[in-house]
């Protein structure tokens, strides 16, 4: 471009927001890892403990990194719920509803709950859902084979941006719904 020509308008191609992270959860993870390592390094007479304790500490560290790495991105084409080992993507064209929800009120039931590796749980009010979340307050998004629960740092702002992008992609669409 020449100095006299105006710059093109800036367009935001992707909108990103981290998940809501709890300092208390991080502290609990670190305390548990520290306890396991303290028992390991202060000696144990059981051979199994020499292997089990470091493996458990490493597993907790992986879950901690997974928890902290959770984030959400909206592009021109999709919603991506990203985290270490277990991201999910939903095309914007498939999203039918976005509603505020609280995981506690949805009452999820699962072997490891929402902390499980996959994050798939069953809720009495909505059936099976996937969760890529770090907090109980968030959004329930319908549009994939299974609804997705996410917990962005600012659920209202994230819902507003996701809804705007869906309406831009599909004029006339009304994805916003009352709270679940």
N, C-alpha and C. Protein backbone atom coordinates (compact mmCIF):
# COMPACT_ATOMS: atom_id res chain seq x y z
N UNK A 1 0.85 -1.18 0.00
CA UNK A 1 0.00 0.00 0.00
C UNK A 1 0.89 1.24 0.00
N UNK A 2 0.42 2.25 -0.60
CA UNK A 2 1.17 3.50 -0.63
C UNK A 2 0.84 4.31 0.61
N UNK A 3 1.63 5.31 0.85
CA UNK A 3 1.43 6.15 2.03
C UNK A 3 0.10 6.90 1.98
N UNK A 4 -0.40 7.18 0.77
CA UNK A 4 -1.63 7.95 0.67
C UNK A 4 -2.89 7.07 0.74
N UNK A 5 -2.76 5.77 0.50
CA UNK A 5 -3.96 4.92 0.53
C UNK A 5 -4.28 4.49 1.96
N UNK A 6 -5.55 4.43 2.27
CA UNK A 6 -5.93 4.05 3.64
C UNK A 6 -5.68 2.56 3.89
N UNK A 7 -5.46 2.25 5.14
CA UNK A 7 -5.29 0.85 5.51
C UNK A 7 -6.65 0.16 5.49
N UNK A 8 -6.66 -1.13 5.14
CA UNK A 8 -7.95 -1.83 5.16
C UNK A 8 -8.45 -1.96 6.59
N UNK A 9 -9.77 -2.05 6.75
CA UNK A 9 -10.29 -2.19 8.12
C UNK A 9 -9.77 -3.48 8.74
N UNK A 10 -9.48 -3.41 10.01
CA UNK A 10 -8.97 -4.58 10.71
C UNK A 10 -10.13 -5.55 10.98
N UNK A 11 -9.93 -6.77 10.58
CA UNK A 11 -10.94 -7.79 10.85
C UNK A 11 -10.35 -8.80 11.82
N UNK A 12 -11.12 -9.18 12.80
CA UNK A 12 -10.68 -10.15 13.77
C UNK A 12 -11.13 -11.52 13.26
N UNK A 13 -10.16 -12.35 12.92
CA UNK A 13 -10.48 -13.66 12.37
C UNK A 13 -10.78 -14.68 13.46
N UNK A 14 -10.12 -14.56 14.60
CA UNK A 14 -10.43 -15.49 15.69
C UNK A 14 -10.54 -14.73 17.00
N UNK A 15 -11.42 -15.23 17.83
CA UNK A 15 -11.69 -14.64 19.13
C UNK A 15 -11.32 -15.71 20.14
N UNK A 16 -10.42 -15.39 21.06
CA UNK A 16 -9.97 -16.38 22.03
C UNK A 16 -10.28 -15.91 23.44
N UNK A 17 -10.58 -16.89 24.30
CA UNK A 17 -10.81 -16.59 25.70
C UNK A 17 -10.34 -17.78 26.52
N UNK A 18 -9.57 -17.51 27.57
CA UNK A 18 -9.16 -18.62 28.44
C UNK A 18 -10.33 -19.11 29.27
N UNK A 19 -10.18 -20.29 29.80
CA UNK A 19 -11.18 -20.82 30.72
C UNK A 19 -11.01 -20.14 32.06
N UNK A 20 -12.05 -20.15 32.85
CA UNK A 20 -11.97 -19.59 34.20
C UNK A 20 -11.15 -20.55 35.06
N UNK A 21 -10.06 -20.07 35.59
CA UNK A 21 -9.14 -20.91 36.36
C UNK A 21 -9.25 -20.57 37.85
N UNK A 22 -9.30 -21.60 38.68
CA UNK A 22 -9.40 -21.42 40.12
C UNK A 22 -8.02 -21.61 40.76
N UNK A 23 -7.57 -20.62 41.49
CA UNK A 23 -6.31 -20.73 42.21
C UNK A 23 -6.37 -21.87 43.22
N UNK A 24 -7.51 -22.06 43.85
CA UNK A 24 -7.66 -23.13 44.84
C UNK A 24 -7.44 -24.50 44.21
N UNK A 25 -7.94 -24.71 43.01
CA UNK A 25 -7.75 -25.99 42.33
C UNK A 25 -6.27 -26.21 42.03
N UNK A 26 -5.60 -25.17 41.58
CA UNK A 26 -4.16 -25.28 41.29
C UNK A 26 -3.40 -25.61 42.57
N UNK A 27 -3.73 -24.95 43.67
CA UNK A 27 -3.06 -25.21 44.95
C UNK A 27 -3.29 -26.66 45.39
N UNK A 28 -4.51 -27.16 45.25
CA UNK A 28 -4.79 -28.56 45.63
C UNK A 28 -3.94 -29.52 44.81
N UNK A 29 -3.88 -29.31 43.50
CA UNK A 29 -3.03 -30.15 42.67
C UNK A 29 -1.58 -30.12 43.15
N UNK A 30 -1.05 -28.93 43.38
CA UNK A 30 0.35 -28.80 43.79
C UNK A 30 0.60 -29.42 45.15
N UNK A 31 -0.33 -29.28 46.08
CA UNK A 31 -0.19 -29.90 47.40
C UNK A 31 -0.18 -31.42 47.28
N UNK A 32 -1.10 -31.97 46.50
CA UNK A 32 -1.14 -33.42 46.32
C UNK A 32 0.14 -33.95 45.66
N UNK A 33 0.62 -33.24 44.65
CA UNK A 33 1.87 -33.65 44.01
C UNK A 33 3.01 -33.58 45.02
N UNK A 34 3.06 -32.49 45.80
CA UNK A 34 4.10 -32.34 46.82
C UNK A 34 4.05 -33.43 47.86
N UNK A 35 2.86 -33.79 48.32
CA UNK A 35 2.72 -34.87 49.31
C UNK A 35 3.21 -36.21 48.75
N UNK A 36 2.83 -36.52 47.53
CA UNK A 36 3.28 -37.77 46.92
C UNK A 36 4.79 -37.81 46.79
N UNK A 37 5.37 -36.71 46.36
CA UNK A 37 6.83 -36.67 46.21
C UNK A 37 7.54 -36.67 47.56
N UNK A 38 6.96 -36.04 48.57
CA UNK A 38 7.57 -36.05 49.90
C UNK A 38 7.60 -37.46 50.46
N UNK A 39 6.51 -38.19 50.31
CA UNK A 39 6.49 -39.58 50.78
C UNK A 39 7.51 -40.41 50.00
N UNK A 40 7.59 -40.18 48.71
CA UNK A 40 8.53 -40.92 47.87
C UNK A 40 9.98 -40.65 48.28
N UNK A 41 10.34 -39.37 48.45
CA UNK A 41 11.73 -39.03 48.74
C UNK A 41 12.14 -39.27 50.19
N UNK A 42 11.18 -39.40 51.10
CA UNK A 42 11.53 -39.70 52.48
C UNK A 42 11.61 -41.19 52.73
N UNK A 43 11.56 -41.93 51.66
CA UNK A 43 11.79 -43.37 51.74
C UNK A 43 10.54 -44.15 52.05
N UNK A 44 10.49 -45.29 51.45
CA UNK A 44 9.41 -46.22 51.68
C UNK A 44 9.98 -47.62 51.54
N UNK A 45 9.47 -48.53 52.29
CA UNK A 45 10.00 -49.89 52.24
C UNK A 45 9.29 -50.74 51.20
N UNK A 46 8.21 -50.23 50.64
CA UNK A 46 7.46 -51.00 49.66
C UNK A 46 7.98 -50.71 48.26
N UNK A 47 8.30 -51.77 47.52
CA UNK A 47 8.81 -51.61 46.17
C UNK A 47 7.74 -50.98 45.27
N UNK A 48 6.50 -51.38 45.46
CA UNK A 48 5.41 -50.83 44.64
C UNK A 48 5.30 -49.32 44.81
N UNK A 49 5.54 -48.82 46.02
CA UNK A 49 5.46 -47.37 46.27
C UNK A 49 6.53 -46.60 45.51
N UNK A 50 7.66 -47.24 45.28
CA UNK A 50 8.74 -46.58 44.55
C UNK A 50 8.35 -46.31 43.10
N UNK A 51 7.41 -47.07 42.59
CA UNK A 51 6.94 -46.86 41.23
C UNK A 51 5.61 -46.10 41.22
N UNK A 52 4.71 -46.46 42.11
CA UNK A 52 3.36 -45.91 42.11
C UNK A 52 3.35 -44.42 42.46
N UNK A 53 4.09 -44.02 43.46
CA UNK A 53 4.05 -42.62 43.89
C UNK A 53 4.52 -41.64 42.81
N UNK A 54 5.66 -41.88 42.16
CA UNK A 54 6.04 -40.96 41.08
C UNK A 54 5.07 -40.97 39.90
N UNK A 55 4.50 -42.14 39.60
CA UNK A 55 3.54 -42.22 38.51
C UNK A 55 2.28 -41.42 38.85
N UNK A 56 1.80 -41.53 40.08
CA UNK A 56 0.64 -40.74 40.50
C UNK A 56 0.95 -39.24 40.46
N UNK A 57 2.15 -38.87 40.91
CA UNK A 57 2.54 -37.45 40.86
C UNK A 57 2.59 -36.96 39.43
N UNK A 58 3.12 -37.76 38.53
CA UNK A 58 3.18 -37.38 37.11
C UNK A 58 1.77 -37.27 36.52
N UNK A 59 0.90 -38.20 36.88
CA UNK A 59 -0.49 -38.15 36.40
C UNK A 59 -1.18 -36.87 36.88
N UNK A 60 -0.99 -36.52 38.15
CA UNK A 60 -1.58 -35.28 38.66
C UNK A 60 -1.01 -34.06 37.94
N UNK A 61 0.28 -34.09 37.63
CA UNK A 61 0.90 -32.98 36.89
C UNK A 61 0.29 -32.85 35.50
N UNK A 62 0.04 -33.96 34.82
CA UNK A 62 -0.59 -33.93 33.50
C UNK A 62 -1.99 -33.33 33.60
N UNK A 63 -2.77 -33.75 34.61
CA UNK A 63 -4.11 -33.19 34.79
C UNK A 63 -4.05 -31.70 35.13
N UNK A 64 -3.06 -31.28 35.89
CA UNK A 64 -2.90 -29.85 36.20
C UNK A 64 -2.62 -29.05 34.93
N UNK A 65 -1.69 -29.54 34.11
CA UNK A 65 -1.36 -28.84 32.86
C UNK A 65 -2.58 -28.83 31.94
N UNK A 66 -3.32 -29.91 31.92
CA UNK A 66 -4.54 -29.99 31.12
C UNK A 66 -5.56 -28.97 31.60
N UNK A 67 -5.72 -28.85 32.91
CA UNK A 67 -6.65 -27.89 33.50
C UNK A 67 -6.27 -26.45 33.11
N UNK A 68 -5.01 -26.12 33.30
CA UNK A 68 -4.54 -24.75 33.04
C UNK A 68 -4.54 -24.43 31.54
N UNK A 69 -4.39 -25.44 30.68
CA UNK A 69 -4.32 -25.18 29.24
C UNK A 69 -5.68 -25.00 28.57
N UNK A 70 -6.77 -25.15 29.31
CA UNK A 70 -8.11 -25.05 28.73
C UNK A 70 -8.40 -23.62 28.25
N UNK A 71 -8.83 -23.52 27.00
CA UNK A 71 -9.16 -22.23 26.40
C UNK A 71 -10.15 -22.46 25.27
N UNK A 72 -10.73 -21.37 24.79
CA UNK A 72 -11.76 -21.46 23.76
C UNK A 72 -11.44 -20.47 22.64
N UNK A 73 -11.70 -20.90 21.41
CA UNK A 73 -11.44 -20.03 20.25
C UNK A 73 -12.62 -20.13 19.30
N UNK A 74 -13.07 -18.96 18.84
CA UNK A 74 -14.12 -18.90 17.82
C UNK A 74 -13.45 -18.36 16.57
N UNK A 75 -13.52 -19.12 15.49
CA UNK A 75 -13.00 -18.65 14.20
C UNK A 75 -14.19 -18.33 13.30
N UNK A 76 -13.91 -18.03 12.05
CA UNK A 76 -14.98 -17.74 11.10
C UNK A 76 -15.83 -18.97 10.82
N UNK A 77 -15.30 -20.15 11.11
CA UNK A 77 -15.98 -21.38 10.75
C UNK A 77 -16.38 -22.29 11.91
N UNK A 78 -15.67 -22.17 13.07
CA UNK A 78 -15.90 -23.14 14.14
C UNK A 78 -15.67 -22.58 15.53
N UNK A 79 -16.22 -23.31 16.48
CA UNK A 79 -15.92 -23.09 17.89
C UNK A 79 -14.97 -24.22 18.28
N UNK A 80 -13.83 -23.87 18.87
CA UNK A 80 -12.88 -24.87 19.32
C UNK A 80 -12.72 -24.75 20.83
N UNK A 81 -12.98 -25.83 21.53
CA UNK A 81 -12.74 -25.92 22.97
C UNK A 81 -11.43 -26.70 23.10
N UNK A 82 -10.38 -26.00 23.48
CA UNK A 82 -9.03 -26.56 23.42
C UNK A 82 -8.47 -26.86 24.80
N UNK A 83 -7.81 -27.99 24.91
CA UNK A 83 -7.08 -28.35 26.11
C UNK A 83 -6.10 -29.46 25.74
N UNK A 84 -5.13 -29.67 26.58
CA UNK A 84 -4.17 -30.74 26.37
C UNK A 84 -4.92 -32.07 26.35
N UNK A 85 -4.74 -32.83 25.30
CA UNK A 85 -5.35 -34.16 25.16
C UNK A 85 -6.87 -34.13 25.33
N UNK A 86 -7.59 -33.62 24.38
CA UNK A 86 -9.03 -33.70 24.47
C UNK A 86 -9.78 -32.48 23.97
N UNK A 87 -9.33 -31.87 22.89
CA UNK A 87 -10.01 -30.71 22.33
C UNK A 87 -11.24 -31.15 21.54
N UNK A 88 -12.22 -30.27 21.47
CA UNK A 88 -13.43 -30.52 20.67
C UNK A 88 -13.68 -29.32 19.77
N UNK A 89 -14.22 -29.60 18.59
CA UNK A 89 -14.54 -28.54 17.63
C UNK A 89 -15.96 -28.73 17.13
N UNK A 90 -16.68 -27.61 17.00
CA UNK A 90 -18.04 -27.65 16.46
C UNK A 90 -18.12 -26.58 15.37
N UNK A 91 -18.52 -26.96 14.16
CA UNK A 91 -18.71 -25.95 13.11
C UNK A 91 -19.82 -24.97 13.52
N UNK A 92 -19.62 -23.69 13.27
CA UNK A 92 -20.63 -22.68 13.61
C UNK A 92 -21.96 -22.98 12.92
N UNK A 93 -21.90 -23.55 11.73
CA UNK A 93 -23.12 -23.85 10.98
C UNK A 93 -23.99 -24.88 11.70
N UNK A 94 -23.43 -25.66 12.61
CA UNK A 94 -24.20 -26.70 13.31
C UNK A 94 -24.73 -26.24 14.67
N UNK A 95 -24.24 -25.12 15.18
CA UNK A 95 -24.66 -24.68 16.51
C UNK A 95 -26.09 -24.16 16.45
N UNK A 96 -26.96 -24.76 17.27
CA UNK A 96 -28.37 -24.37 17.26
C UNK A 96 -28.74 -23.51 18.46
N UNK A 97 -28.17 -23.79 19.64
CA UNK A 97 -28.48 -22.97 20.81
C UNK A 97 -27.25 -22.78 21.68
N UNK A 98 -27.24 -21.61 22.34
CA UNK A 98 -26.22 -21.28 23.33
C UNK A 98 -26.99 -20.78 24.54
N UNK A 99 -26.79 -21.40 25.67
CA UNK A 99 -27.52 -20.94 26.86
C UNK A 99 -26.61 -20.96 28.08
N UNK A 100 -26.78 -19.97 28.95
CA UNK A 100 -26.04 -20.00 30.22
C UNK A 100 -26.46 -21.24 31.01
N UNK A 101 -25.51 -21.85 31.68
CA UNK A 101 -25.82 -23.04 32.46
C UNK A 101 -24.85 -23.14 33.63
N UNK A 102 -25.25 -23.91 34.62
CA UNK A 102 -24.39 -24.19 35.76
C UNK A 102 -24.26 -25.70 35.86
N UNK A 103 -23.04 -26.17 35.85
CA UNK A 103 -22.80 -27.61 35.87
C UNK A 103 -23.40 -28.26 37.11
N UNK A 104 -23.41 -27.55 38.21
CA UNK A 104 -23.99 -28.11 39.44
C UNK A 104 -25.49 -28.36 39.27
N UNK A 105 -26.17 -27.46 38.57
CA UNK A 105 -27.61 -27.63 38.36
C UNK A 105 -27.91 -28.69 37.31
N UNK A 106 -26.97 -28.91 36.39
CA UNK A 106 -27.15 -29.97 35.39
C UNK A 106 -26.96 -31.35 36.03
N UNK A 107 -26.29 -31.41 37.19
CA UNK A 107 -26.09 -32.63 37.97
C UNK A 107 -25.46 -33.76 37.15
N UNK A 108 -24.24 -33.54 36.64
CA UNK A 108 -23.62 -34.57 35.81
C UNK A 108 -23.25 -35.83 36.60
N UNK A 109 -23.39 -36.97 35.93
CA UNK A 109 -23.04 -38.26 36.51
C UNK A 109 -22.08 -38.94 35.53
N UNK A 110 -20.94 -39.37 36.05
CA UNK A 110 -19.97 -40.08 35.22
C UNK A 110 -18.93 -40.74 36.10
N UNK A 111 -18.18 -41.66 35.54
CA UNK A 111 -17.19 -42.39 36.32
C UNK A 111 -16.19 -41.44 36.98
N UNK A 112 -15.68 -40.49 36.22
CA UNK A 112 -14.75 -39.50 36.77
C UNK A 112 -15.33 -38.10 36.71
N UNK A 113 -16.60 -37.98 36.44
CA UNK A 113 -17.23 -36.67 36.35
C UNK A 113 -16.63 -35.83 35.25
N UNK A 114 -16.69 -34.53 35.40
CA UNK A 114 -16.16 -33.65 34.36
C UNK A 114 -14.65 -33.60 34.39
N UNK A 115 -14.04 -34.19 35.41
CA UNK A 115 -12.58 -34.23 35.47
C UNK A 115 -12.04 -35.43 34.71
N UNK A 116 -12.92 -36.28 34.20
CA UNK A 116 -12.48 -37.45 33.45
C UNK A 116 -11.73 -37.04 32.21
N UNK A 117 -11.03 -37.99 31.63
CA UNK A 117 -10.17 -37.68 30.48
C UNK A 117 -10.98 -37.13 29.34
N UNK A 118 -12.10 -37.76 29.03
CA UNK A 118 -12.91 -37.33 27.90
C UNK A 118 -13.86 -36.20 28.26
N UNK A 119 -14.35 -36.20 29.48
CA UNK A 119 -15.28 -35.16 29.90
C UNK A 119 -16.71 -35.43 29.48
N UNK A 120 -17.04 -36.66 29.11
CA UNK A 120 -18.42 -36.98 28.73
C UNK A 120 -19.17 -37.48 29.97
N UNK A 121 -20.29 -36.84 30.23
CA UNK A 121 -21.10 -37.19 31.40
C UNK A 121 -22.57 -37.24 30.99
N UNK A 122 -23.38 -37.79 31.86
CA UNK A 122 -24.82 -37.85 31.65
C UNK A 122 -25.49 -36.93 32.67
N UNK A 123 -26.43 -36.12 32.21
CA UNK A 123 -27.17 -35.21 33.08
C UNK A 123 -28.66 -35.54 32.98
N UNK A 124 -29.36 -35.61 34.10
CA UNK A 124 -30.79 -35.95 34.06
C UNK A 124 -31.63 -34.99 33.22
N UNK A 125 -31.27 -33.71 33.20
CA UNK A 125 -32.11 -32.73 32.50
C UNK A 125 -31.85 -32.64 31.00
N UNK A 126 -30.63 -32.96 30.55
CA UNK A 126 -30.32 -32.81 29.12
C UNK A 126 -29.75 -34.07 28.47
N UNK A 127 -29.49 -35.10 29.24
CA UNK A 127 -28.90 -36.32 28.68
C UNK A 127 -27.38 -36.23 28.67
N UNK A 128 -26.76 -36.87 27.70
CA UNK A 128 -25.31 -36.91 27.61
C UNK A 128 -24.77 -35.57 27.12
N UNK A 129 -23.70 -35.09 27.77
CA UNK A 129 -23.01 -33.87 27.33
C UNK A 129 -21.51 -34.10 27.40
N UNK A 130 -20.79 -33.32 26.60
CA UNK A 130 -19.33 -33.27 26.70
C UNK A 130 -18.98 -32.01 27.48
N UNK A 131 -17.93 -32.09 28.28
CA UNK A 131 -17.47 -30.91 29.02
C UNK A 131 -16.00 -30.65 28.72
N UNK A 132 -15.71 -29.43 28.37
CA UNK A 132 -14.35 -28.93 28.30
C UNK A 132 -14.40 -27.68 29.16
N UNK A 133 -14.33 -27.92 30.48
CA UNK A 133 -14.59 -26.83 31.41
C UNK A 133 -13.66 -26.91 32.61
N UNK A 134 -13.59 -25.80 33.32
CA UNK A 134 -12.76 -25.71 34.53
C UNK A 134 -13.55 -25.16 35.71
N UNK A 135 -14.80 -24.79 35.46
CA UNK A 135 -15.62 -24.14 36.48
C UNK A 135 -17.07 -24.55 36.26
N UNK A 136 -17.89 -24.43 37.30
CA UNK A 136 -19.28 -24.87 37.16
C UNK A 136 -20.15 -23.89 36.38
N UNK A 137 -19.83 -22.60 36.38
CA UNK A 137 -20.62 -21.61 35.63
C UNK A 137 -20.10 -21.54 34.21
N UNK A 138 -21.01 -21.61 33.24
CA UNK A 138 -20.56 -21.55 31.86
C UNK A 138 -21.70 -21.52 30.88
N UNK A 139 -21.47 -22.14 29.73
CA UNK A 139 -22.44 -22.15 28.64
C UNK A 139 -22.66 -23.58 28.15
N UNK A 140 -23.90 -23.89 27.84
CA UNK A 140 -24.24 -25.17 27.23
C UNK A 140 -24.54 -24.89 25.77
N UNK A 141 -23.76 -25.50 24.89
CA UNK A 141 -23.84 -25.22 23.46
C UNK A 141 -24.32 -26.48 22.74
N UNK A 142 -25.45 -26.38 22.08
CA UNK A 142 -26.00 -27.51 21.32
C UNK A 142 -25.65 -27.32 19.85
N UNK A 143 -25.26 -28.41 19.22
CA UNK A 143 -24.93 -28.30 17.81
C UNK A 143 -24.12 -29.47 17.29
N UNK A 144 -23.48 -30.19 18.14
CA UNK A 144 -22.76 -31.37 17.71
C UNK A 144 -23.63 -32.59 17.97
N UNK A 145 -23.04 -33.76 17.89
CA UNK A 145 -23.80 -34.96 18.20
C UNK A 145 -24.25 -34.96 19.67
N UNK A 146 -23.48 -34.26 20.51
CA UNK A 146 -23.75 -34.17 21.95
C UNK A 146 -23.54 -32.71 22.35
N UNK A 147 -24.40 -32.12 23.19
CA UNK A 147 -24.17 -30.74 23.65
C UNK A 147 -22.80 -30.61 24.34
N UNK A 148 -22.24 -29.41 24.29
CA UNK A 148 -20.93 -29.14 24.87
C UNK A 148 -21.07 -28.09 25.96
N UNK A 149 -20.49 -28.37 27.13
CA UNK A 149 -20.46 -27.40 28.23
C UNK A 149 -19.06 -26.80 28.28
N UNK A 150 -18.98 -25.45 28.26
CA UNK A 150 -17.70 -24.74 28.35
C UNK A 150 -17.79 -23.72 29.47
N UNK A 151 -16.63 -23.34 30.02
CA UNK A 151 -16.61 -22.35 31.11
C UNK A 151 -15.60 -21.24 30.83
N UNK A 152 -15.92 -20.36 29.86
CA UNK A 152 -14.99 -19.26 29.57
C UNK A 152 -14.90 -18.29 30.76
N UNK A 153 -13.83 -17.53 30.76
CA UNK A 153 -13.59 -16.54 31.82
C UNK A 153 -14.76 -15.56 31.95
N UNK A 154 -15.32 -15.15 30.82
CA UNK A 154 -16.47 -14.24 30.79
C UNK A 154 -17.58 -14.90 29.95
N UNK A 155 -18.42 -15.73 30.58
CA UNK A 155 -19.44 -16.45 29.81
C UNK A 155 -20.36 -15.53 28.99
N UNK A 156 -20.80 -14.42 29.57
CA UNK A 156 -21.71 -13.52 28.85
C UNK A 156 -21.04 -12.91 27.61
N UNK A 157 -19.79 -12.47 27.76
CA UNK A 157 -19.06 -11.90 26.63
C UNK A 157 -18.79 -12.94 25.56
N UNK A 158 -18.46 -14.15 25.98
CA UNK A 158 -18.19 -15.22 25.03
C UNK A 158 -19.48 -15.59 24.28
N UNK A 159 -20.59 -15.67 25.01
CA UNK A 159 -21.87 -15.99 24.37
C UNK A 159 -22.23 -14.91 23.35
N UNK A 160 -22.02 -13.67 23.71
CA UNK A 160 -22.34 -12.56 22.81
C UNK A 160 -21.53 -12.66 21.51
N UNK A 161 -20.22 -12.94 21.64
CA UNK A 161 -19.36 -13.03 20.45
C UNK A 161 -19.71 -14.27 19.61
N UNK A 162 -19.95 -15.40 20.26
CA UNK A 162 -20.31 -16.62 19.53
C UNK A 162 -21.64 -16.43 18.81
N UNK A 163 -22.61 -15.83 19.47
CA UNK A 163 -23.92 -15.57 18.87
C UNK A 163 -23.78 -14.63 17.67
N UNK A 164 -22.96 -13.58 17.84
CA UNK A 164 -22.76 -12.63 16.73
C UNK A 164 -22.17 -13.34 15.51
N UNK A 165 -21.20 -14.20 15.74
CA UNK A 165 -20.57 -14.90 14.62
C UNK A 165 -21.52 -15.89 13.96
N UNK A 166 -22.36 -16.52 14.74
CA UNK A 166 -23.34 -17.45 14.16
C UNK A 166 -24.34 -16.68 13.31
N UNK A 167 -24.81 -15.53 13.83
CA UNK A 167 -25.76 -14.72 13.06
C UNK A 167 -25.12 -14.15 11.80
N UNK A 168 -23.81 -13.87 11.85
CA UNK A 168 -23.10 -13.40 10.66
C UNK A 168 -23.01 -14.53 9.63
N UNK A 169 -22.74 -15.73 10.12
CA UNK A 169 -22.61 -16.89 9.25
C UNK A 169 -23.97 -17.33 8.70
N UNK A 170 -25.01 -17.23 9.53
CA UNK A 170 -26.37 -17.65 9.15
C UNK A 170 -27.36 -16.55 9.52
N UNK A 171 -27.55 -15.56 8.64
CA UNK A 171 -28.48 -14.47 8.95
C UNK A 171 -29.86 -15.05 9.30
N UNK A 172 -30.46 -14.50 10.34
CA UNK A 172 -31.76 -14.97 10.77
C UNK A 172 -31.70 -16.02 11.87
N UNK A 173 -30.52 -16.57 12.12
CA UNK A 173 -30.38 -17.57 13.19
C UNK A 173 -30.56 -16.89 14.55
N UNK A 174 -31.16 -17.59 15.47
CA UNK A 174 -31.34 -17.09 16.85
C UNK A 174 -30.82 -18.14 17.84
N UNK A 175 -29.51 -18.18 18.03
CA UNK A 175 -28.92 -19.23 18.86
C UNK A 175 -29.08 -19.01 20.36
N UNK A 176 -29.34 -17.78 20.80
CA UNK A 176 -29.40 -17.52 22.25
C UNK A 176 -30.68 -18.11 22.83
N UNK A 177 -30.53 -18.76 23.96
CA UNK A 177 -31.67 -19.39 24.64
C UNK A 177 -31.61 -19.04 26.12
N UNK A 178 -32.74 -19.16 26.82
CA UNK A 178 -32.71 -18.88 28.26
C UNK A 178 -31.82 -19.89 28.99
N UNK A 179 -31.48 -19.56 30.22
CA UNK A 179 -30.59 -20.41 31.02
C UNK A 179 -31.18 -21.81 31.16
N UNK A 180 -30.24 -22.79 31.18
CA UNK A 180 -30.66 -24.19 31.33
C UNK A 180 -30.92 -24.49 32.79
